[in-house]
């Protein structure tokens, strides 16, 4: 259908010629979307007998197309559109404006230019809170252990696990729409360490760092682990360790408050766990 109508349009317009001038038309082609086909042409006019003008490098004049509300259209929208917008909606017409005439542009309807769009419902404070929460930038937790991750761990030897205590604090962001401003706050609440050996360690805080004054055989008071087997049988020869930090999200604004689903971020390292063998050479 589009090709036939386009051919008729070109045939009807390219045959026109003025009495005292000749018209040179360079057709720029056709573009198509779901509603219409646009045919553009660059036109230049010269008096009879003058040298032929060179076509402008800039091409056809710019055109802006947009949807505009059309209260005159009284068609019936699809039942699906109505069901999705119980508060109603409006009809819109696709129009184009700009420094252009009919020889430069033709609008050929393809499936109709009227479009019914549901009326958007006002944003609720919770919806604005969700937008605010999306603006909170979380990063994966730092992973620290003692012995260090680049040194071998030992079977039956306690390991300290912790993240950066300075990063254990709430993060907030605010989003606004006309008439509503809502702030969302994410608070870290726990760390979940998947140790790679089939065990999981859950810590209610960032963990206690191992220091030079800590006894070598001491166990962490709040976040630690003891491996009971070596990692030699793992594909890489190491245990793949992951820690997930969980953030509890609350919001307040628009005269309301509430909670949103938890947010999480995950980091990972690999730990080699070795086993020290004792050899008895004599018995007394």
Protein backbone atom coordinates (compact mmCIF):
# COMPACT_ATOMS: atom_id res chain seq x y z
CA UNK A 1 0.00 0.00 0.00
CA UNK A 2 2.77 2.41 0.88
CA UNK A 3 4.72 1.88 -2.33
CA UNK A 4 1.64 2.40 -4.53
CA UNK A 5 0.62 5.63 -2.78
CA UNK A 6 4.21 6.89 -2.87
CA UNK A 7 4.42 6.27 -6.63
CA UNK A 8 1.15 8.16 -7.23
CA UNK A 9 2.39 11.07 -5.11
CA UNK A 10 5.67 11.37 -7.01
CA UNK A 11 3.94 11.18 -10.38
CA UNK A 12 1.47 13.91 -9.42
CA UNK A 13 4.08 16.37 -8.13
CA UNK A 14 7.12 15.99 -10.41
CA UNK A 15 5.25 17.00 -13.59
CA UNK A 16 4.49 20.61 -12.56
CA UNK A 17 6.40 23.48 -14.32
CA UNK A 18 5.91 27.25 -14.07
CA UNK A 19 5.46 29.61 -17.09
CA UNK A 20 8.63 31.71 -16.55
CA UNK A 21 10.85 29.33 -14.62
CA UNK A 22 12.00 25.78 -14.47
CA UNK A 23 11.97 23.72 -11.28
CA UNK A 24 14.71 21.29 -10.30
CA UNK A 25 13.59 18.75 -7.68
CA UNK A 26 15.92 16.33 -5.96
CA UNK A 27 13.94 13.72 -4.04
CA UNK A 28 15.52 12.69 -0.76
CA UNK A 29 13.67 9.37 -0.31
CA UNK A 30 11.05 8.05 2.10
CA UNK A 31 11.09 7.12 5.76
CA UNK A 32 8.42 5.07 7.47
CA UNK A 33 7.22 4.49 11.02
CA UNK A 34 4.17 2.78 12.50
CA UNK A 35 1.83 5.70 11.75
CA UNK A 36 2.91 7.38 8.49
CA UNK A 37 5.29 7.56 5.56
CA UNK A 38 7.21 10.79 5.02
CA UNK A 39 8.49 11.78 1.56
CA UNK A 40 11.01 14.62 1.49
CA UNK A 41 12.28 16.60 -1.52
CA UNK A 42 14.82 19.37 -1.90
CA UNK A 43 13.56 21.95 -4.42
CA UNK A 44 15.39 24.84 -6.12
CA UNK A 45 13.91 27.31 -8.70
CA UNK A 46 15.84 29.23 -11.39
CA UNK A 47 14.73 31.66 -14.14
CA UNK A 48 14.69 30.29 -17.69
CA UNK A 49 18.09 30.47 -19.38
CA UNK A 50 20.12 30.80 -16.15
CA UNK A 51 22.78 28.22 -15.27
CA UNK A 52 21.55 25.29 -13.26
CA UNK A 53 21.98 25.91 -9.53
CA UNK A 54 23.97 23.47 -7.48
CA UNK A 55 21.93 21.56 -4.88
CA UNK A 56 22.30 22.82 -1.32
CA UNK A 57 24.56 20.66 0.78
CA UNK A 58 22.33 21.03 3.81
CA UNK A 59 19.46 19.09 2.19
CA UNK A 60 15.75 19.64 2.83
CA UNK A 61 14.60 22.16 5.45
CA UNK A 62 14.31 20.74 8.99
CA UNK A 63 10.92 19.44 10.08
CA UNK A 64 9.68 18.77 13.60
CA UNK A 65 6.96 16.17 14.14
CA UNK A 66 5.05 15.63 17.37
CA UNK A 67 1.76 14.47 18.83
CA UNK A 68 -0.80 17.12 19.70
CA UNK A 69 -4.08 16.66 21.58
CA UNK A 70 -7.09 16.48 19.25
CA UNK A 71 -10.38 17.03 21.15
CA UNK A 72 -12.35 17.00 17.86
CA UNK A 73 -11.81 13.26 17.34
CA UNK A 74 -14.61 11.18 18.86
CA UNK A 75 -13.49 7.66 17.98
CA UNK A 76 -13.70 4.74 20.42
CA UNK A 77 -10.42 3.52 21.93
CA UNK A 78 -9.55 -0.15 22.19
CA UNK A 79 -10.98 -1.95 25.18
CA UNK A 80 -7.44 -2.87 26.29
CA UNK A 81 -6.41 0.81 26.36
CA UNK A 82 -9.44 1.73 28.46
CA UNK A 83 -8.85 -1.10 30.92
CA UNK A 84 -5.28 0.09 31.47
CA UNK A 85 -6.40 3.66 32.23
CA UNK A 86 -9.66 3.67 34.22
CA UNK A 87 -9.34 7.44 34.68
CA UNK A 88 -9.69 8.00 30.92
CA UNK A 89 -7.39 9.46 28.33
CA UNK A 90 -7.16 11.73 25.27
CA UNK A 91 -6.87 11.47 21.51
CA UNK A 92 -3.69 12.80 19.87
CA UNK A 93 -2.91 13.62 16.23
CA UNK A 94 0.54 13.25 14.67
CA UNK A 95 1.47 16.58 13.02
CA UNK A 96 4.59 18.06 11.47
CA UNK A 97 5.68 21.70 11.44
CA UNK A 98 8.65 23.61 10.07
CA UNK A 99 9.93 25.70 7.17
CA UNK A 100 8.54 23.45 4.45
CA UNK A 101 5.79 23.41 1.79
CA UNK A 102 3.72 20.67 0.18
CA UNK A 103 6.33 20.01 -2.51
CA UNK A 104 8.92 19.33 0.16
CA UNK A 105 6.92 16.98 2.30
CA UNK A 106 3.85 14.80 2.00
CA UNK A 107 2.17 12.86 4.79
CA UNK A 108 0.69 9.59 3.55
CA UNK A 109 -1.47 7.90 6.21
CA UNK A 110 -0.69 4.24 6.64
CA UNK A 111 -2.87 2.99 9.48
CA UNK A 112 -4.41 6.29 10.67
CA UNK A 113 -2.88 9.27 12.38
CA UNK A 114 -5.15 9.39 15.44
CA UNK A 115 -3.86 7.78 18.63
CA UNK A 116 -5.62 7.36 21.97
CA UNK A 117 -3.32 7.57 24.99
CA UNK A 118 -4.35 6.72 28.57
CA UNK A 119 -4.23 9.57 31.05
CA UNK A 120 -1.28 9.07 33.42
CA UNK A 121 -2.26 8.70 37.05
CA UNK A 122 -0.67 11.01 39.64
CA UNK A 123 2.52 9.68 41.18
CA UNK A 124 2.14 8.32 44.72
CA UNK A 125 4.73 9.00 47.46
CA UNK A 126 5.81 5.35 47.28
CA UNK A 127 6.43 5.59 43.52
CA UNK A 128 8.53 8.73 44.05
CA UNK A 129 10.39 6.87 46.81
CA UNK A 130 11.24 4.10 44.36
CA UNK A 131 12.74 6.70 42.04
CA UNK A 132 14.78 8.10 44.93
CA UNK A 133 16.03 4.63 45.89
CA UNK A 134 17.25 4.05 42.33
CA UNK A 135 19.52 7.07 42.75
CA UNK A 136 21.32 5.56 45.77
CA UNK A 137 24.71 4.32 44.56
CA UNK A 138 25.82 1.16 46.35
CA UNK A 139 29.22 -0.46 45.88
CA UNK A 140 30.34 -4.00 46.59
CA UNK A 141 31.67 -4.46 50.13
CA UNK A 142 35.43 -4.57 50.68
CA UNK A 143 36.57 -8.08 51.62
CA UNK A 144 39.22 -8.46 54.29
CA UNK A 145 40.47 -11.60 56.00
CA UNK A 146 43.24 -12.68 58.28
CA UNK A 147 45.31 -14.43 57.15
CA UNK A 148 45.23 -12.20 54.07
CA UNK A 149 43.55 -13.42 50.88
CA UNK A 150 46.88 -13.60 49.03
CA UNK A 151 48.31 -15.94 51.68
CA UNK A 152 47.21 -19.53 52.30
CA UNK A 153 44.57 -20.21 54.93
CA UNK A 154 44.92 -23.27 57.13
CA UNK A 155 42.54 -26.06 57.99
CA UNK A 156 41.25 -25.83 61.60
CA UNK A 157 42.74 -22.35 61.96
CA UNK A 158 40.34 -19.42 62.78
CA UNK A 159 39.87 -16.72 60.13
CA UNK A 160 38.78 -13.13 60.78
CA UNK A 161 36.32 -11.70 58.21
CA UNK A 162 35.41 -8.01 57.94
CA UNK A 163 34.57 -5.16 55.58
CA UNK A 164 35.43 -1.46 55.79
CA UNK A 165 33.88 -0.14 59.03
CA UNK A 166 33.97 3.41 57.64
CA UNK A 167 31.57 2.38 54.86
CA UNK A 168 29.03 0.96 57.29
CA UNK A 169 26.64 3.95 57.36
CA UNK A 170 23.31 4.96 55.76
CA UNK A 171 23.04 6.43 52.27
CA UNK A 172 20.18 8.68 51.16
CA UNK A 173 18.72 10.25 48.02
CA UNK A 174 15.72 12.46 47.28
CA UNK A 175 13.34 12.55 44.32
CA UNK A 176 10.60 15.07 43.57
CA UNK A 177 7.58 15.56 41.35
CA UNK A 178 5.24 18.57 41.42
CA UNK A 179 3.79 18.67 44.91
CA UNK A 180 5.75 15.71 46.36
CA UNK A 181 9.32 15.35 47.63
CA UNK A 182 10.41 11.99 49.05
CA UNK A 183 13.70 10.85 50.59
CA UNK A 184 14.85 7.21 50.59
CA UNK A 185 17.51 5.89 52.97
CA UNK A 186 19.46 2.63 52.67
CA UNK A 187 21.00 1.27 55.88
CA UNK A 188 23.46 -1.68 55.90
CA UNK A 189 22.11 -4.43 58.16
CA UNK A 190 24.13 -7.60 57.52
CA UNK A 191 26.89 -9.36 55.64
CA UNK A 192 26.42 -12.88 54.30
CA UNK A 193 29.67 -14.71 53.57
CA UNK A 194 29.48 -17.75 51.29
CA UNK A 195 32.77 -19.43 52.17
CA UNK A 196 32.88 -21.75 49.14
CA UNK A 197 33.08 -24.92 51.22
CA UNK A 198 29.32 -25.28 51.58
CA UNK A 199 29.02 -23.10 54.68
CA UNK A 200 27.57 -19.60 55.12
CA UNK A 201 28.50 -17.03 57.75
CA UNK A 202 26.03 -14.24 58.55
CA UNK A 203 27.34 -11.15 60.39
CA UNK A 204 25.16 -8.37 61.82
CA UNK A 205 27.85 -5.74 61.32
CA UNK A 206 31.03 -5.02 59.36
CA UNK A 207 33.06 -7.47 61.44
CA UNK A 208 36.09 -6.93 63.68
CA UNK A 209 39.41 -6.15 61.94
CA UNK A 210 42.44 -8.26 62.82
CA UNK A 211 45.26 -6.08 64.25
CA UNK A 212 48.86 -6.53 65.27
CA UNK A 213 47.79 -6.86 68.88
CA UNK A 214 45.35 -9.69 68.17
CA UNK A 215 46.54 -13.12 69.24
CA UNK A 216 47.40 -15.31 66.24
CA UNK A 217 45.14 -18.12 67.39
CA UNK A 218 42.22 -15.86 68.43
CA UNK A 219 38.75 -16.23 66.88
CA UNK A 220 36.73 -13.26 65.64
CA UNK A 221 34.17 -12.14 68.23
CA UNK A 222 31.48 -11.45 65.63
CA UNK A 223 32.44 -12.53 62.08
CA UNK A 224 34.78 -15.45 61.46
CA UNK A 225 35.11 -18.94 60.06
CA UNK A 226 37.14 -22.15 60.41
CA UNK A 227 37.75 -24.30 57.34
CA UNK A 228 37.57 -28.05 57.99
CA UNK A 229 39.04 -29.19 54.68
CA UNK A 230 41.60 -28.01 52.16
CA UNK A 231 40.73 -26.43 48.82
CA UNK A 232 42.95 -28.76 46.73
CA UNK A 233 39.95 -30.58 45.26
CA UNK A 234 38.40 -27.35 43.90
CA UNK A 235 38.71 -26.73 40.12
CA UNK A 236 40.97 -23.73 40.69
CA UNK A 237 42.60 -25.09 43.82
CA UNK A 238 40.90 -22.33 45.81
CA UNK A 239 37.53 -21.71 47.45
CA UNK A 240 35.40 -19.08 45.69
CA UNK A 241 34.26 -16.78 48.52
CA UNK A 242 31.44 -14.27 48.07
CA UNK A 243 30.08 -11.70 50.50
CA UNK A 244 26.71 -10.02 50.04
CA UNK A 245 25.91 -6.82 51.88
CA UNK A 246 22.19 -6.25 52.52
CA UNK A 247 20.75 -2.74 52.85
CA UNK A 248 17.35 -2.04 54.40
CA UNK A 249 15.52 0.77 52.56
CA UNK A 250 13.01 3.14 54.16
CA UNK A 251 11.41 6.32 52.85
CA UNK A 252 9.54 9.39 54.08
CA UNK A 253 7.78 12.21 52.24
CA UNK A 254 4.43 13.38 50.92
CA UNK A 255 2.95 12.99 54.39
CA UNK A 256 3.69 9.24 54.38
CA UNK A 257 6.49 6.81 55.17
CA UNK A 258 7.24 3.17 54.49
CA UNK A 259 9.77 0.55 53.45
CA UNK A 260 10.99 -0.73 50.08
CA UNK A 261 12.54 -4.11 49.22
CA UNK A 262 16.07 -4.64 50.50
CA UNK A 263 18.99 -3.76 48.24
CA UNK A 264 22.14 -5.89 47.96
CA UNK A 265 25.67 -5.69 46.58
CA UNK A 266 28.13 -8.60 46.25
CA UNK A 267 31.92 -8.94 46.09
CA UNK A 268 34.09 -12.03 45.66
CA UNK A 269 37.62 -13.34 46.25
CA UNK A 270 39.36 -16.71 46.08
CA UNK A 271 41.04 -18.32 49.11
CA UNK A 272 43.52 -21.18 49.04
CA UNK A 273 43.20 -23.38 52.08
CA UNK A 274 46.06 -25.73 52.89
CA UNK A 275 46.37 -28.50 55.40
CA UNK A 276 49.41 -28.97 57.62
CA UNK A 277 50.36 -32.61 58.11
CA UNK A 278 52.13 -33.87 61.22
CA UNK A 279 54.60 -36.74 60.94
CA UNK A 280 55.32 -38.82 64.03
CA UNK A 281 58.89 -40.15 63.93
CA UNK A 282 59.17 -41.66 67.41
CA UNK A 283 57.05 -42.49 70.37
CA UNK A 284 58.28 -42.43 73.93
